[in-house]
Amino acid sequence: MARPSQLYLLSYNSVQALGWFVALLRLLPCLAPPSSVHSSYAVAGDLVCLLQTWAILETIHAAIGLVHTSPLLAFLQWGGRTHFVLAVVRQIPEVGRTANFCFVWNG
């Protein structure tokens, strides 16, 4: 029988996976003509910002021992991605209108 922590992690990861899948579905039409990749932030930006902000829970999971990883490394990874999305892409309109937003999560 699964422990409550395992069920919680399964739920958390399922919600995150579903959210990223929805973001991908929103982005796919931006790749097909006559749409433009330049509209990708307008289509999926708010959802990506929300999902990335919620990912702070991964740092908390590490800090309380739910997962076996360094809380510092989890925080640094979350901080870098969230800073890029919230402080750079969201605050500088020219960046959000470029084609790069669509492919920024490949790493």
C-alpha atoms as a PDB file:
ATOM      1  CA  MET A   1       0.000   0.000   0.000  1.00  0.00           C
ATOM      2  CA  ALA A   2       1.265   3.445  -0.888  1.00  0.00           C
ATOM      3  CA  ARG A   3       2.225   5.846   1.860  1.00  0.00           C
ATOM      4  CA  PRO A   4       0.445   9.223   2.024  1.00  0.00           C
ATOM      5  CA  SER A   5       3.647  10.989   0.971  1.00  0.00           C
ATOM      6  CA  GLN A   6       3.845   8.850  -2.168  1.00  0.00           C
ATOM      7  CA  LEU A   7       0.216   9.578  -3.001  1.00  0.00           C
ATOM      8  CA  TYR A   8       0.822  13.287  -2.481  1.00  0.00           C
ATOM      9  CA  LEU A   9       3.893  13.263  -4.751  1.00  0.00           C
ATOM     10  CA  LEU A  10       1.954  11.320  -7.389  1.00  0.00           C
ATOM     11  CA  SER A  11      -0.829  13.908  -7.222  1.00  0.00           C
ATOM     12  CA  TYR A  12       1.567  16.863  -7.336  1.00  0.00           C
ATOM     13  CA  ASN A  13       3.500  15.465 -10.287  1.00  0.00           C
ATOM     14  CA  SER A  14       0.295  14.539 -12.110  1.00  0.00           C
ATOM     15  CA  VAL A  15      -1.084  18.069 -11.765  1.00  0.00           C
ATOM     16  CA  GLN A  16       2.229  19.560 -12.943  1.00  0.00           C
ATOM     17  CA  ALA A  17       2.399  17.150 -15.894  1.00  0.00           C
ATOM     18  CA  LEU A  18      -1.188  17.920 -16.869  1.00  0.00           C
ATOM     19  CA  GLY A  19      -0.518  21.659 -16.631  1.00  0.00           C
ATOM     20  CA  TRP A  20       2.594  21.446 -18.822  1.00  0.00           C
ATOM     21  CA  PHE A  21       0.687  19.273 -21.292  1.00  0.00           C
ATOM     22  CA  VAL A  22      -2.041  21.929 -21.520  1.00  0.00           C
ATOM     23  CA  ALA A  23       0.653  24.587 -22.051  1.00  0.00           C
ATOM     24  CA  LEU A  24       2.118  22.476 -24.858  1.00  0.00           C
ATOM     25  CA  LEU A  25      -1.307  22.064 -26.449  1.00  0.00           C
ATOM     26  CA  ARG A  26      -1.746  25.837 -26.337  1.00  0.00           C
ATOM     27  CA  LEU A  27       1.655  26.356 -27.962  1.00  0.00           C
ATOM     28  CA  LEU A  28       1.312  23.830 -30.798  1.00  0.00           C
ATOM     29  CA  PRO A  29      -1.005  26.012 -32.916  1.00  0.00           C
ATOM     30  CA  CYS A  30       1.633  28.777 -32.715  1.00  0.00           C
ATOM     31  CA  LEU A  31       3.946  26.562 -34.751  1.00  0.00           C
ATOM     32  CA  ALA A  32       1.556  26.065 -37.660  1.00  0.00           C
ATOM     33  CA  PRO A  33       0.840  28.714 -40.285  1.00  0.00           C
ATOM     34  CA  PRO A  34      -0.814  31.229 -40.313  1.00  0.00           C
ATOM     35  CA  SER A  35      -0.066  31.617 -36.591  1.00  0.00           C
ATOM     36  CA  SER A  36       3.226  32.952 -35.422  1.00  0.00           C
ATOM     37  CA  VAL A  37       5.638  31.769 -32.759  1.00  0.00           C
ATOM     38  CA  HIS A  38       5.701  35.401 -31.678  1.00  0.00           C
ATOM     39  CA  SER A  39       2.255  34.923 -30.121  1.00  0.00           C
ATOM     40  CA  SER A  40       3.390  32.013 -27.923  1.00  0.00           C
ATOM     41  CA  TYR A  41       3.687  34.046 -24.714  1.00  0.00           C
ATOM     42  CA  ALA A  42       0.236  35.545 -25.192  1.00  0.00           C
ATOM     43  CA  VAL A  43      -1.178  32.038 -25.604  1.00  0.00           C
ATOM     44  CA  ALA A  44       0.571  30.149 -22.788  1.00  0.00           C
ATOM     45  CA  GLY A  45       2.564  32.674 -20.765  1.00  0.00           C
ATOM     46  CA  ASP A  46       0.215  33.016 -17.800  1.00  0.00           C
ATOM     47  CA  LEU A  47      -0.103  29.247 -17.405  1.00  0.00           C
ATOM     48  CA  VAL A  48       3.670  28.780 -17.629  1.00  0.00           C
ATOM     49  CA  CYS A  49       4.195  31.484 -14.983  1.00  0.00           C
ATOM     50  CA  LEU A  50       1.675  29.826 -12.679  1.00  0.00           C
ATOM     51  CA  LEU A  51       3.135  26.341 -13.097  1.00  0.00           C
ATOM     52  CA  GLN A  52       6.678  27.563 -12.618  1.00  0.00           C
ATOM     53  CA  THR A  53       5.753  29.513  -9.489  1.00  0.00           C
ATOM     54  CA  TRP A  54       4.026  26.436  -8.011  1.00  0.00           C
ATOM     55  CA  ALA A  55       7.224  24.484  -8.604  1.00  0.00           C
ATOM     56  CA  ILE A  56       8.591  26.050  -5.394  1.00  0.00           C
ATOM     57  CA  LEU A  57       6.946  23.041  -3.788  1.00  0.00           C
ATOM     58  CA  GLU A  58       9.807  20.947  -5.184  1.00  0.00           C
ATOM     59  CA  THR A  59      12.170  22.869  -2.907  1.00  0.00           C
ATOM     60  CA  ILE A  60       9.867  22.254   0.041  1.00  0.00           C
ATOM     61  CA  HIS A  61       9.674  18.551  -0.845  1.00  0.00           C
ATOM     62  CA  ALA A  62      13.470  18.382  -0.719  1.00  0.00           C
ATOM     63  CA  ALA A  63      13.668  20.387   2.515  1.00  0.00           C
ATOM     64  CA  ILE A  64      11.262  18.110   4.400  1.00  0.00           C
ATOM     65  CA  GLY A  65      12.746  14.925   2.973  1.00  0.00           C
ATOM     66  CA  LEU A  66       9.971  13.791   0.636  1.00  0.00           C
ATOM     67  CA  VAL A  67      12.498  13.484  -2.182  1.00  0.00           C
ATOM     68  CA  HIS A  68      16.182  12.693  -2.050  1.00  0.00           C
ATOM     69  CA  THR A  69      17.774  15.811  -3.461  1.00  0.00           C
ATOM     70  CA  SER A  70      19.484  18.881  -2.106  1.00  0.00           C
ATOM     71  CA  PRO A  71      17.064  21.638  -1.113  1.00  0.00           C
ATOM     72  CA  LEU A  72      19.678  24.188  -2.168  1.00  0.00           C
ATOM     73  CA  LEU A  73      19.997  22.735  -5.663  1.00  0.00           C
ATOM     74  CA  ALA A  74      16.223  22.485  -6.006  1.00  0.00           C
ATOM     75  CA  PHE A  75      15.885  26.110  -4.920  1.00  0.00           C
ATOM     76  CA  LEU A  76      18.588  27.331  -7.297  1.00  0.00           C
ATOM     77  CA  GLN A  77      16.973  25.521 -10.214  1.00  0.00           C
ATOM     78  CA  TRP A  78      13.529  26.888  -9.326  1.00  0.00           C
ATOM     79  CA  GLY A  79      14.916  30.368  -8.751  1.00  0.00           C
ATOM     80  CA  GLY A  80      16.662  30.509 -12.113  1.00  0.00           C
ATOM     81  CA  ARG A  81      13.631  29.404 -14.073  1.00  0.00           C
ATOM     82  CA  THR A  82      11.188  31.540 -12.125  1.00  0.00           C
ATOM     83  CA  HIS A  83      13.425  34.597 -12.400  1.00  0.00           C
ATOM     84  CA  PHE A  84      13.605  34.141 -16.157  1.00  0.00           C
ATOM     85  CA  VAL A  85       9.833  33.773 -16.530  1.00  0.00           C
ATOM     86  CA  LEU A  86       8.634  36.371 -14.027  1.00  0.00           C
ATOM     87  CA  ALA A  87      11.387  38.991 -14.036  1.00  0.00           C
ATOM     88  CA  VAL A  88      12.569  38.836 -17.628  1.00  0.00           C
ATOM     89  CA  VAL A  89       9.875  37.491 -19.949  1.00  0.00           C
ATOM     90  CA  ARG A  90       6.862  38.826 -18.065  1.00  0.00           C
ATOM     91  CA  GLN A  91       8.294  42.279 -17.317  1.00  0.00           C
ATOM     92  CA  ILE A  92       9.935  43.039 -20.679  1.00  0.00           C
ATOM     93  CA  PRO A  93       7.262  42.892 -23.396  1.00  0.00           C
ATOM     94  CA  GLU A  94       9.807  42.691 -26.213  1.00  0.00           C
ATOM     95  CA  VAL A  95      11.153  39.414 -24.814  1.00  0.00           C
ATOM     96  CA  GLY A  96       7.681  37.889 -24.565  1.00  0.00           C
ATOM     97  CA  ARG A  97       7.055  38.702 -28.222  1.00  0.00           C
ATOM     98  CA  THR A  98      10.144  36.883 -29.503  1.00  0.00           C
ATOM     99  CA  ALA A  99      10.173  33.355 -30.829  1.00  0.00           C
ATOM    100  CA  ASN A 100      12.504  32.147 -28.067  1.00  0.00           C
ATOM    101  CA  PHE A 101       9.799  31.793 -25.406  1.00  0.00           C
ATOM    102  CA  CYS A 102       8.375  28.781 -27.176  1.00  0.00           C
ATOM    103  CA  PHE A 103      11.632  26.837 -26.863  1.00  0.00           C
ATOM    104  CA  VAL A 104      13.052  28.048 -23.557  1.00  0.00           C
ATOM    105  CA  TRP A 105      12.144  24.916 -21.559  1.00  0.00           C
ATOM    106  CA  ASN A 106      14.247  22.460 -23.545  1.00  0.00           C
ATOM    107  CA  GLY A 107      16.933  22.284 -20.813  1.00  0.00           C
END
